[in-house]
PDB file of N, CA and C in Angstrom:
ATOM      1  N   MET A   1      75.591 119.972 109.074  1.00  0.00           N
ATOM      2  CA  MET A   1      74.163 120.417 108.832  1.00  0.00           C
ATOM      3  C   MET A   1      74.435 122.129 109.358  1.00  0.00           C
ATOM      4  N   PRO A   2      74.196 123.377 108.419  1.00  0.00           N
ATOM      5  CA  PRO A   2      74.665 124.859 108.746  1.00  0.00           C
ATOM      6  C   PRO A   2      74.175 124.787 110.065  1.00  0.00           C
ATOM      7  N   GLY A   3      75.315 125.689 110.837  1.00  0.00           N
ATOM      8  CA  GLY A   3      75.123 126.183 111.967  1.00  0.00           C
ATOM      9  C   GLY A   3      75.720 124.813 113.123  1.00  0.00           C
ATOM     10  N   GLN A   4      75.773 124.280 112.846  1.00  0.00           N
ATOM     11  CA  GLN A   4      76.461 122.987 113.796  1.00  0.00           C
ATOM     12  C   GLN A   4      78.048 122.689 113.891  1.00  0.00           C
ATOM     13  N   PRO A   5      78.478 123.041 115.786  1.00  0.00           N
ATOM     14  CA  PRO A   5      79.751 123.018 115.346  1.00  0.00           C
ATOM     15  C   PRO A   5      80.718 121.776 115.457  1.00  0.00           C
ATOM     16  N   VAL A   6      81.729 121.974 114.830  1.00  0.00           N
ATOM     17  CA  VAL A   6      82.399 120.828 115.051  1.00  0.00           C
ATOM     18  C   VAL A   6      83.941 120.888 115.235  1.00  0.00           C
ATOM     19  N   LEU A   7      84.625 119.927 116.015  1.00  0.00           N
ATOM     20  CA  LEU A   7      86.270 120.189 116.017  1.00  0.00           C
ATOM     21  C   LEU A   7      86.885 119.456 115.356  1.00  0.00           C
ATOM     22  N   LEU A   8      87.933 120.330 114.685  1.00  0.00           N
ATOM     23  CA  LEU A   8      88.773 119.585 113.470  1.00  0.00           C
ATOM     24  C   LEU A   8      90.117 119.220 114.321  1.00  0.00           C
ATOM     25  N   ARG A   9      90.193 117.431 114.288  1.00  0.00           N
ATOM     26  CA  ARG A   9      91.450 117.117 114.661  1.00  0.00           C
ATOM     27  C   ARG A   9      92.720 118.010 114.480  1.00  0.00           C
ATOM     28  N   TYR A  10      93.150 117.932 115.847  1.00  0.00           N
ATOM     29  CA  TYR A  10      94.082 119.127 115.810  1.00  0.00           C
ATOM     30  C   TYR A  10      94.469 120.700 115.523  1.00  0.00           C
ATOM     31  N   GLY A  11      93.221 120.983 115.382  1.00  0.00           N
ATOM     32  CA  GLY A  11      92.426 122.248 114.730  1.00  0.00           C
ATOM     33  C   GLY A  11      91.657 122.893 115.771  1.00  0.00           C
ATOM     34  N   PRO A  12      91.115 124.127 115.249  1.00  0.00           N
ATOM     35  CA  PRO A  12      90.106 125.226 115.959  1.00  0.00           C
ATOM     36  C   PRO A  12      88.725 124.296 115.838  1.00  0.00           C
ATOM     37  N   LYS A  13      87.661 124.807 116.457  1.00  0.00           N
ATOM     38  CA  LYS A  13      86.313 124.802 116.577  1.00  0.00           C
ATOM     39  C   LYS A  13      85.816 125.182 115.175  1.00  0.00           C
ATOM     40  N   VAL A  14      85.090 124.707 114.547  1.00  0.00           N
ATOM     41  CA  VAL A  14      84.370 125.546 113.602  1.00  0.00           C
ATOM     42  C   VAL A  14      83.056 125.151 113.492  1.00  0.00           C
ATOM     43  N   VAL A  15      82.232 126.284 112.762  1.00  0.00           N
ATOM     44  CA  VAL A  15      80.730 126.319 112.410  1.00  0.00           C
ATOM     45  C   VAL A  15      80.884 126.002 110.803  1.00  0.00           C
ATOM     46  N   LEU A  16      79.778 124.956 110.388  1.00  0.00           N
ATOM     47  CA  LEU A  16      79.299 125.252 108.711  1.00  0.00           C
ATOM     48  C   LEU A  16      78.613 126.335 108.397  1.00  0.00           C
ATOM     49  N   GLU A  17      79.211 126.904 107.342  1.00  0.00           N
ATOM     50  CA  GLU A  17      78.809 128.148 106.649  1.00  0.00           C
ATOM     51  C   GLU A  17      77.971 127.860 105.513  1.00  0.00           C
ATOM     52  N   GLN A  18      78.484 127.016 104.726  1.00  0.00           N
ATOM     53  CA  GLN A  18      77.726 126.618 103.512  1.00  0.00           C
ATOM     54  C   GLN A  18      78.428 125.620 102.665  1.00  0.00           C
ATOM     55  N   VAL A  19      77.977 124.623 101.957  1.00  0.00           N
ATOM     56  CA  VAL A  19      78.356 123.690 101.104  1.00  0.00           C
ATOM     57  C   VAL A  19      78.379 123.964  99.807  1.00  0.00           C
ATOM     58  N   VAL A  20      79.660 124.188  99.158  1.00  0.00           N
ATOM     59  CA  VAL A  20      79.581 124.555  97.408  1.00  0.00           C
ATOM     60  C   VAL A  20      79.744 123.565  96.589  1.00  0.00           C
ATOM     61  N   THR A  21      78.212 123.490  95.734  1.00  0.00           N
ATOM     62  CA  THR A  21      78.227 122.202  94.907  1.00  0.00           C
ATOM     63  C   THR A  21      78.358 122.667  93.300  1.00  0.00           C
ATOM     64  N   ASN A  22      79.032 121.845  92.642  1.00  0.00           N
ATOM     65  CA  ASN A  22      79.121 122.060  91.239  1.00  0.00           C
ATOM     66  C   ASN A  22      77.599 121.643  90.380  1.00  0.00           C
ATOM     67  N   ALA A  23      77.527 121.649  88.921  1.00  0.00           N
ATOM     68  CA  ALA A  23      76.344 121.525  88.511  1.00  0.00           C
ATOM     69  C   ALA A  23      75.663 120.362  88.477  1.00  0.00           C
ATOM     70  N   ALA A  24      77.122 119.289  88.920  1.00  0.00           N
ATOM     71  CA  ALA A  24      76.470 118.088  88.994  1.00  0.00           C
ATOM     72  C   ALA A  24      76.225 117.507  90.469  1.00  0.00           C
ATOM     73  N   GLY A  25      76.093 118.569  91.217  1.00  0.00           N
ATOM     74  CA  GLY A  25      75.289 118.154  92.645  1.00  0.00           C
ATOM     75  C   GLY A  25      77.149 117.999  93.309  1.00  0.00           C
ATOM     76  N   GLU A  26      77.941 117.560  92.899  1.00  0.00           N
ATOM     77  CA  GLU A  26      79.212 117.263  93.695  1.00  0.00           C
ATOM     78  C   GLU A  26      80.053 118.240  94.408  1.00  0.00           C
ATOM     79  N   VAL A  27      80.074 118.056  95.796  1.00  0.00           N
ATOM     80  CA  VAL A  27      80.805 118.952  96.670  1.00  0.00           C
ATOM     81  C   VAL A  27      81.986 119.369  96.392  1.00  0.00           C
ATOM     82  N   GLU A  28      81.974 120.897  95.982  1.00  0.00           N
ATOM     83  CA  GLU A  28      83.570 121.853  95.350  1.00  0.00           C
ATOM     84  C   GLU A  28      84.113 121.961  96.544  1.00  0.00           C
ATOM     85  N   LYS A  29      83.357 122.593  97.719  1.00  0.00           N
ATOM     86  CA  LYS A  29      84.485 122.861  98.807  1.00  0.00           C
ATOM     87  C   LYS A  29      82.940 123.227  99.808  1.00  0.00           C
ATOM     88  N   VAL A  30      83.502 123.424 101.093  1.00  0.00           N
ATOM     89  CA  VAL A  30      82.916 123.467 102.120  1.00  0.00           C
ATOM     90  C   VAL A  30      83.506 124.879 103.336  1.00  0.00           C
ATOM     91  N   LEU A  31      82.467 125.540 103.049  1.00  0.00           N
ATOM     92  CA  LEU A  31      82.789 126.921 104.037  1.00  0.00           C
ATOM     93  C   LEU A  31      82.579 126.877 105.308  1.00  0.00           C
ATOM     94  N   VAL A  32      83.477 127.119 106.271  1.00  0.00           N
ATOM     95  CA  VAL A  32      83.205 127.335 107.734  1.00  0.00           C
ATOM     96  C   VAL A  32      83.984 128.107 108.283  1.00  0.00           C
ATOM     97  N   LYS A  33      83.612 128.534 109.294  1.00  0.00           N
ATOM     98  CA  LYS A  33      83.829 129.912 110.383  1.00  0.00           C
ATOM     99  C   LYS A  33      84.694 129.208 111.356  1.00  0.00           C
ATOM    100  N   ALA A  34      85.900 129.465 112.089  1.00  0.00           N
ATOM    101  CA  ALA A  34      86.392 128.948 113.321  1.00  0.00           C
ATOM    102  C   ALA A  34      85.437 130.049 114.374  1.00  0.00           C
ATOM    103  N   VAL A  35      85.660 129.040 115.295  1.00  0.00           N
ATOM    104  CA  VAL A  35      84.682 129.997 116.578  1.00  0.00           C
ATOM    105  C   VAL A  35      85.394 129.143 117.597  1.00  0.00           C
ATOM    106  N   PRO A  36      86.620 129.762 118.167  1.00  0.00           N
ATOM    107  CA  PRO A  36      87.352 129.581 119.192  1.00  0.00           C
ATOM    108  C   PRO A  36      86.883 129.682 120.751  1.00  0.00           C
ATOM    109  N   GLU A  37      85.932 130.485 120.715  1.00  0.00           N
ATOM    110  CA  GLU A  37      85.207 130.949 122.023  1.00  0.00           C
ATOM    111  C   GLU A  37      84.055 130.007 122.242  1.00  0.00           C
ATOM    112  N   TRP A  38      83.970 129.276 121.810  1.00  0.00           N
ATOM    113  CA  TRP A  38      82.261 127.877 121.652  1.00  0.00           C
ATOM    114  C   TRP A  38      82.474 127.550 122.985  1.00  0.00           C
ATOM    115  N   GLU A  39      81.030 128.059 123.346  1.00  0.00           N
ATOM    116  CA  GLU A  39      81.042 127.309 125.018  1.00  0.00           C
ATOM    117  C   GLU A  39      80.389 126.088 125.374  1.00  0.00           C
ATOM    118  N   GLN A  40      79.492 125.569 124.293  1.00  0.00           N
ATOM    119  CA  GLN A  40      78.643 124.329 124.480  1.00  0.00           C
ATOM    120  C   GLN A  40      79.424 123.038 124.302  1.00  0.00           C
ATOM    121  N   LYS A  41      79.719 122.011 124.820  1.00  0.00           N
ATOM    122  CA  LYS A  41      80.312 120.788 124.565  1.00  0.00           C
ATOM    123  C   LYS A  41      80.073 120.369 123.073  1.00  0.00           C
ATOM    124  N   ILE A  42      80.849 120.304 122.448  1.00  0.00           N
ATOM    125  CA  ILE A  42      80.903 119.953 120.866  1.00  0.00           C
ATOM    126  C   ILE A  42      81.068 118.367 120.509  1.00  0.00           C
ATOM    127  N   LYS A  43      79.970 117.760 119.958  1.00  0.00           N
ATOM    128  CA  LYS A  43      79.609 116.525 119.888  1.00  0.00           C
ATOM    129  C   LYS A  43      80.652 115.601 118.719  1.00  0.00           C
ATOM    130  N   GLY A  44      81.100 116.159 117.685  1.00  0.00           N
ATOM    131  CA  GLY A  44      82.031 115.638 116.909  1.00  0.00           C
ATOM    132  C   GLY A  44      82.886 116.087 116.496  1.00  0.00           C
ATOM    133  N   VAL A  45      84.087 115.248 116.067  1.00  0.00           N
ATOM    134  CA  VAL A  45      85.505 115.732 115.774  1.00  0.00           C
ATOM    135  C   VAL A  45      85.654 114.783 114.087  1.00  0.00           C
ATOM    136  N   ILE A  46      86.409 115.860 113.576  1.00  0.00           N
ATOM    137  CA  ILE A  46      86.664 115.549 112.368  1.00  0.00           C
ATOM    138  C   ILE A  46      87.980 115.344 112.170  1.00  0.00           C
ATOM    139  N   HIS A  47      88.339 114.129 111.486  1.00  0.00           N
ATOM    140  CA  HIS A  47      90.052 113.681 111.200  1.00  0.00           C
ATOM    141  C   HIS A  47      90.249 114.102 109.573  1.00  0.00           C
ATOM    142  N   TRP A  48      90.352 115.104 109.115  1.00  0.00           N
ATOM    143  CA  TRP A  48      90.864 115.648 108.038  1.00  0.00           C
ATOM    144  C   TRP A  48      92.006 114.647 107.482  1.00  0.00           C
ATOM    145  N   VAL A  49      91.660 114.726 106.319  1.00  0.00           N
ATOM    146  CA  VAL A  49      92.819 114.201 105.474  1.00  0.00           C
ATOM    147  C   VAL A  49      92.703 115.055 103.996  1.00  0.00           C
ATOM    148  N   SER A  50      93.573 115.259 103.769  1.00  0.00           N
ATOM    149  CA  SER A  50      93.933 116.244 102.482  1.00  0.00           C
ATOM    150  C   SER A  50      93.609 115.137 100.981  1.00  0.00           C
ATOM    151  N   LYS A  51      93.424 115.776 100.047  1.00  0.00           N
ATOM    152  CA  LYS A  51      93.011 115.167  98.655  1.00  0.00           C
ATOM    153  C   LYS A  51      94.407 114.612  98.376  1.00  0.00           C
ATOM    154  N   GLU A  52      95.751 115.273  98.632  1.00  0.00           N
ATOM    155  CA  GLU A  52      96.997 114.783  98.252  1.00  0.00           C
ATOM    156  C   GLU A  52      97.654 113.652  99.374  1.00  0.00           C
ATOM    157  N   HIS A  53      96.753 113.217 100.270  1.00  0.00           N
ATOM    158  CA  HIS A  53      97.162 112.346 101.300  1.00  0.00           C
ATOM    159  C   HIS A  53      96.087 111.459 101.335  1.00  0.00           C
ATOM    160  N   SER A  54      95.184 111.224 100.423  1.00  0.00           N
ATOM    161  CA  SER A  54      93.643 110.385 100.520  1.00  0.00           C
ATOM    162  C   SER A  54      94.264 109.029  99.989  1.00  0.00           C
ATOM    163  N   ILE A  55      93.402 108.210  99.922  1.00  0.00           N
ATOM    164  CA  ILE A  55      93.344 106.994  99.368  1.00  0.00           C
ATOM    165  C   ILE A  55      92.239 106.517  98.352  1.00  0.00           C
ATOM    166  N   PRO A  56      91.968 105.720  97.534  1.00  0.00           N
ATOM    167  CA  PRO A  56      90.659 105.489  97.465  1.00  0.00           C
ATOM    168  C   PRO A  56      90.345 104.523  98.637  1.00  0.00           C
ATOM    169  N   ALA A  57      88.462 104.488  98.621  1.00  0.00           N
ATOM    170  CA  ALA A  57      87.929 103.635  99.492  1.00  0.00           C
ATOM    171  C   ALA A  57      86.141 103.500  99.177  1.00  0.00           C
ATOM    172  N   LYS A  58      85.862 102.718  99.842  1.00  0.00           N
ATOM    173  CA  LYS A  58      84.271 102.683  99.495  1.00  0.00           C
ATOM    174  C   LYS A  58      83.363 102.543 100.795  1.00  0.00           C
ATOM    175  N   VAL A  59      82.793 103.434 100.849  1.00  0.00           N
ATOM    176  CA  VAL A  59      82.148 103.317 102.187  1.00  0.00           C
ATOM    177  C   VAL A  59      80.669 103.240 102.041  1.00  0.00           C
ATOM    178  N   ASN A  60      79.998 102.527 103.051  1.00  0.00           N
ATOM    179  CA  ASN A  60      78.646 101.913 102.728  1.00  0.00           C
ATOM    180  C   ASN A  60      78.106 102.842 104.061  1.00  0.00           C
ATOM    181  N   GLN A  61      76.603 103.374 103.647  1.00  0.00           N
ATOM    182  CA  GLN A  61      75.930 103.922 105.077  1.00  0.00           C
ATOM    183  C   GLN A  61      74.714 103.196 105.150  1.00  0.00           C
ATOM    184  N   TYR A  62      74.410 102.665 106.339  1.00  0.00           N
ATOM    185  CA  TYR A  62      73.382 101.789 107.071  1.00  0.00           C
ATOM    186  C   TYR A  62      72.749 102.872 107.787  1.00  0.00           C
ATOM    187  N   SER A  63      71.294 102.700 107.987  1.00  0.00           N
ATOM    188  CA  SER A  63      70.651 103.473 108.898  1.00  0.00           C
ATOM    189  C   SER A  63      70.879 102.421 110.257  1.00  0.00           C
ATOM    190  N   GLN A  64      70.651 101.322 109.970  1.00  0.00           N
ATOM    191  CA  GLN A  64      71.135 100.240 111.364  1.00  0.00           C
ATOM    192  C   GLN A  64      72.252  99.687 110.959  1.00  0.00           C
ATOM    193  N   LEU A  65      73.331  99.477 111.856  1.00  0.00           N
ATOM    194  CA  LEU A  65      74.645  98.692 111.742  1.00  0.00           C
ATOM    195  C   LEU A  65      74.167  96.763 111.903  1.00  0.00           C
ATOM    196  N   LEU A  66      73.494  96.694 113.155  1.00  0.00           N
ATOM    197  CA  LEU A  66      72.663  95.556 113.334  1.00  0.00           C
ATOM    198  C   LEU A  66      71.384  95.538 113.271  1.00  0.00           C
ATOM    199  N   THR A  67      70.856  94.041 113.216  1.00  0.00           N
ATOM    200  CA  THR A  67      69.575  93.653 112.903  1.00  0.00           C
ATOM    201  C   THR A  67      68.666  93.781 114.360  1.00  0.00           C
ATOM    202  N   VAL A  68      69.432  93.438 115.399  1.00  0.00           N
ATOM    203  CA  VAL A  68      68.660  93.174 116.614  1.00  0.00           C
ATOM    204  C   VAL A  68      69.124  94.800 117.618  1.00  0.00           C
ATOM    205  N   GLU A  69      68.723  94.847 118.693  1.00  0.00           N
ATOM    206  CA  GLU A  69      68.908  95.893 119.400  1.00  0.00           C
ATOM    207  C   GLU A  69      70.011  95.362 120.471  1.00  0.00           C
ATOM    208  N   ASN A  70      69.625  93.985 121.110  1.00  0.00           N
ATOM    209  CA  ASN A  70      70.283  94.000 122.166  1.00  0.00           C
ATOM    210  C   ASN A  70      71.479  92.415 121.495  1.00  0.00           C
ATOM    211  N   VAL A  71      72.507  92.529 120.681  1.00  0.00           N
ATOM    212  CA  VAL A  71      73.055  91.726 119.990  1.00  0.00           C
ATOM    213  C   VAL A  71      73.547  90.379 121.042  1.00  0.00           C
ATOM    214  N   ALA A  72      74.382  90.897 122.125  1.00  0.00           N
ATOM    215  CA  ALA A  72      74.932  90.034 123.179  1.00  0.00           C
ATOM    216  C   ALA A  72      73.890  89.170 123.493  1.00  0.00           C
ATOM    217  N   PHE A  73      72.843  89.532 123.938  1.00  0.00           N
ATOM    218  CA  PHE A  73      71.547  88.708 124.756  1.00  0.00           C
ATOM    219  C   PHE A  73      71.296  87.857 123.514  1.00  0.00           C
ATOM    220  N   THR A  74      70.535  88.651 122.572  1.00  0.00           N
ATOM    221  CA  THR A  74      70.043  87.824 121.433  1.00  0.00           C
ATOM    222  C   THR A  74      70.797  86.884 120.635  1.00  0.00           C
ATOM    223  N   ALA A  75      71.976  86.796 120.753  1.00  0.00           N
ATOM    224  CA  ALA A  75      73.031  85.949 120.125  1.00  0.00           C
ATOM    225  C   ALA A  75      73.183  84.608 120.920  1.00  0.00           C
ATOM    226  N   LYS A  76      73.353  85.139 122.358  1.00  0.00           N
ATOM    227  CA  LYS A  76      73.280  83.562 123.385  1.00  0.00           C
ATOM    228  C   LYS A  76      72.158  83.095 123.703  1.00  0.00           C
ATOM    229  N   LYS A  77      70.617  83.786 123.571  1.00  0.00           N
ATOM    230  CA  LYS A  77      69.803  83.162 123.807  1.00  0.00           C
ATOM    231  C   LYS A  77      69.139  82.201 122.274  1.00  0.00           C
ATOM    232  N   GLU A  78      69.952  82.422 121.339  1.00  0.00           N
ATOM    233  CA  GLU A  78      69.194  81.707 119.683  1.00  0.00           C
ATOM    234  C   GLU A  78      70.561  80.794 119.745  1.00  0.00           C
ATOM    235  N   GLY A  79      71.625  80.811 120.385  1.00  0.00           N
ATOM    236  CA  GLY A  79      72.861  80.266 120.277  1.00  0.00           C
ATOM    237  C   GLY A  79      73.366  80.513 118.763  1.00  0.00           C
ATOM    238  N   LYS A  80      73.431  81.655 118.475  1.00  0.00           N
ATOM    239  CA  LYS A  80      74.024  82.102 117.193  1.00  0.00           C
ATOM    240  C   LYS A  80      75.421  82.825 117.520  1.00  0.00           C
ATOM    241  N   ASP A  81      76.367  83.304 116.487  1.00  0.00           N
ATOM    242  CA  ASP A  81      77.594  83.867 116.661  1.00  0.00           C
ATOM    243  C   ASP A  81      77.020  85.347 116.372  1.00  0.00           C
ATOM    244  N   TRP A  82      77.581  86.073 117.287  1.00  0.00           N
ATOM    245  CA  TRP A  82      76.985  87.580 117.318  1.00  0.00           C
ATOM    246  C   TRP A  82      77.052  88.129 116.143  1.00  0.00           C
ATOM    247  N   LEU A  83      78.212  87.790 115.328  1.00  0.00           N
ATOM    248  CA  LEU A  83      78.404  88.511 113.570  1.00  0.00           C
ATOM    249  C   LEU A  83      77.391  88.221 112.863  1.00  0.00           C
ATOM    250  N   GLU A  84      76.383  87.002 113.341  1.00  0.00           N
ATOM    251  CA  GLU A  84      75.287  86.832 112.094  1.00  0.00           C
ATOM    252  C   GLU A  84      74.092  87.918 112.134  1.00  0.00           C
ATOM    253  N   TYR A  85      74.458  88.913 113.095  1.00  0.00           N
ATOM    254  CA  TYR A  85      73.506  89.967 113.317  1.00  0.00           C
ATOM    255  C   TYR A  85      73.794  91.501 112.414  1.00  0.00           C
ATOM    256  N   PHE A  86      74.987  91.395 111.610  1.00  0.00           N
ATOM    257  CA  PHE A  86      75.090  92.446 110.801  1.00  0.00           C
ATOM    258  C   PHE A  86      74.172  92.671 109.865  1.00  0.00           C
ATOM    259  N   ASN A  87      73.734  94.029 109.635  1.00  0.00           N
ATOM    260  CA  ASN A  87      72.783  94.411 108.610  1.00  0.00           C
ATOM    261  C   ASN A  87      73.198  94.348 107.335  1.00  0.00           C
TER     262      ASN A  87
END
């Protein structure tokens, strides 16, 4: 989200300025600005991996990871393994 600060792991605090995409809508680059004097608490830390050191990975995005709010309580109440409540 533009304007949102993050901390680069072992690096500076930065703010997203622009996401540059190609004609297919794929991200080509991300433009950020270093903000070393940021006063507010930063909520996120990005662990950066260069393309040369990366490996292929499958990533699934879920709106909710679990199907119930209190997994431990519900599993005990229903006599089930808590792993059965994954979305």
